[in-house]
Protein backbone atom coordinates (compact mmCIF):
# COMPACT_ATOMS: atom_id res chain seq x y z
CA MET A 1 0.43 19.45 -3.03
CA LEU A 2 2.13 16.19 -3.86
CA ALA A 3 2.30 15.02 -7.43
CA ARG A 4 -0.55 12.76 -8.42
CA GLU A 5 1.86 9.92 -9.35
CA LEU A 6 3.51 10.08 -5.86
CA VAL A 7 0.14 9.95 -4.15
CA ALA A 8 -0.94 7.02 -6.36
CA ALA A 9 2.33 5.13 -5.72
CA SER A 10 2.12 5.58 -1.95
CA THR A 11 -1.55 4.50 -1.66
CA ARG A 12 -0.88 0.82 -1.48
CA PRO A 13 1.82 0.84 1.20
CA LEU A 14 -0.07 3.39 3.24
CA LEU A 15 -3.22 1.27 3.22
CA LEU A 16 -1.29 -1.89 4.01
CA GLY A 17 0.54 -0.15 6.83
CA ILE A 18 -2.61 1.37 8.40
CA LEU A 19 -4.45 -1.96 8.19
CA ALA A 20 -1.43 -3.64 9.87
CA GLU A 21 -2.49 -1.54 12.90
CA GLY A 22 -5.91 -3.22 12.90
CA GLU A 23 -9.13 -3.36 10.91
CA ASN A 24 -10.76 -0.19 9.79
CA TYR A 25 -13.43 1.22 7.44
CA GLY A 26 -13.08 3.52 4.51
CA TYR A 27 -13.76 6.93 5.93
CA ALA A 28 -11.57 6.12 8.96
CA LEU A 29 -8.73 5.16 6.57
CA ILE A 30 -9.06 8.55 4.85
CA GLN A 31 -8.95 10.30 8.20
CA ARG A 32 -5.92 8.32 9.29
CA VAL A 33 -3.97 9.23 6.22
CA ARG A 34 -4.86 12.89 6.70
CA ALA A 35 -3.75 12.77 10.34
CA LEU A 36 -0.50 10.93 9.55
CA SER A 37 0.35 13.48 6.84
CA GLY A 38 -0.53 16.53 8.90
CA GLY A 39 -3.42 17.25 6.47
CA LYS A 40 -1.18 17.25 3.39
CA LEU A 41 -2.61 14.08 1.90
CA ALA A 42 -6.29 14.34 1.29
CA TRP A 43 -7.67 11.16 -0.14
CA THR A 44 -11.13 10.91 -1.64
CA GLU A 45 -13.51 8.00 -1.57
CA GLY A 46 -13.29 7.89 -5.38
CA MET A 47 -9.53 7.01 -5.20
CA LEU A 48 -9.65 4.88 -2.04
CA TYR A 49 -12.25 2.25 -2.94
CA PRO A 50 -10.77 1.09 -6.23
CA VAL A 51 -7.52 0.44 -4.39
CA LEU A 52 -9.28 -1.40 -1.54
CA HIS A 53 -11.15 -3.53 -4.12
CA ARG A 54 -7.90 -4.35 -5.96
CA LEU A 55 -6.15 -5.30 -2.66
CA GLU A 56 -9.12 -7.54 -1.85
CA ASP A 57 -9.07 -9.10 -5.29
CA GLU A 58 -5.33 -9.87 -4.74
CA GLY A 59 -6.16 -11.60 -1.46
CA LEU A 60 -4.19 -9.04 0.60
CA ILE A 61 -7.21 -7.74 2.59
CA ALA A 62 -10.58 -9.14 3.51
CA SER A 63 -13.72 -7.25 4.35
CA VAL A 64 -16.86 -7.73 6.44
CA TRP A 65 -19.94 -5.68 7.00
CA LYS A 66 -20.46 -4.68 10.68
CA PRO A 67 -22.61 -2.18 12.50
CA GLY A 68 -20.78 1.04 13.20
CA GLU A 69 -21.06 3.17 16.32
CA SER A 70 -24.20 4.86 14.87
CA GLY A 71 -25.78 1.44 14.15
CA ARG A 72 -25.38 1.93 10.43
CA LYS A 73 -23.41 -0.87 8.70
CA ARG A 74 -19.89 -0.21 7.56
CA LYS A 75 -17.52 -2.34 5.57
CA TYR A 76 -14.41 -3.09 7.69
CA TYR A 77 -11.14 -4.10 6.07
CA ARG A 78 -8.37 -6.18 7.56
CA LEU A 79 -5.12 -7.69 6.40
CA THR A 80 -4.86 -11.29 5.54
CA SER A 81 -1.70 -13.28 6.21
CA ALA A 82 -0.62 -12.60 2.56
CA GLY A 83 -1.38 -8.88 3.22
CA ARG A 84 1.00 -8.85 6.25
CA LYS A 85 3.76 -10.29 4.12
CA SER A 86 3.07 -7.76 1.39
CA ALA A 87 3.05 -4.93 3.96
CA ASP A 88 6.46 -6.00 5.20
CA HIS A 89 7.72 -6.19 1.60
CA GLU A 90 6.30 -2.74 0.78
CA ARG A 91 7.92 -1.27 3.89
CA GLN A 92 11.33 -2.64 2.97
CA GLN A 93 11.03 -1.20 -0.57
CA TRP A 94 9.96 2.28 0.70
CA VAL A 95 12.67 2.38 3.35
CA LEU A 96 15.29 1.67 0.62
CA VAL A 97 13.87 4.45 -1.57
CA HIS A 98 13.73 6.87 1.39
CA ARG A 99 17.30 6.14 2.42
CA THR A 100 18.58 6.49 -1.12
CA LEU A 101 16.92 9.92 -1.58
CA GLU A 102 18.08 10.97 1.89
CA THR A 103 21.65 10.11 0.91
CA LEU A 104 21.31 11.88 -2.38
CA TRP A 105 19.83 15.07 -0.89
CA SER A 106 22.00 15.24 2.28
CA PRO A 107 24.53 18.03 2.27
CA THR A 108 28.01 16.72 1.84
CA PRO A 109 30.70 18.11 4.19
CA ALA A 110 33.06 20.52 2.69
């Protein structure tokens, strides 16, 4: 299991990245994260929706109610133009952290 702090820190860039692929609804976002992580990240609705609401309050995502495949209404989320910029910025930051850790943990030749 990943440390709670790491899961919390990665929630925002993961959501922005997934929504950059196209609009989606809450349960599908949870399933996409699970699939991307090979089942190692198991988000709950209780941790997902506060982050979605915060991103919406910040103007990074917008939502709309639509009928789902079953006919039941679902709230779909999509990136705004500000959200696309933020997603790019988040990606740059995480790539830098990833490369730094990769360099640190790479075996050095003898």
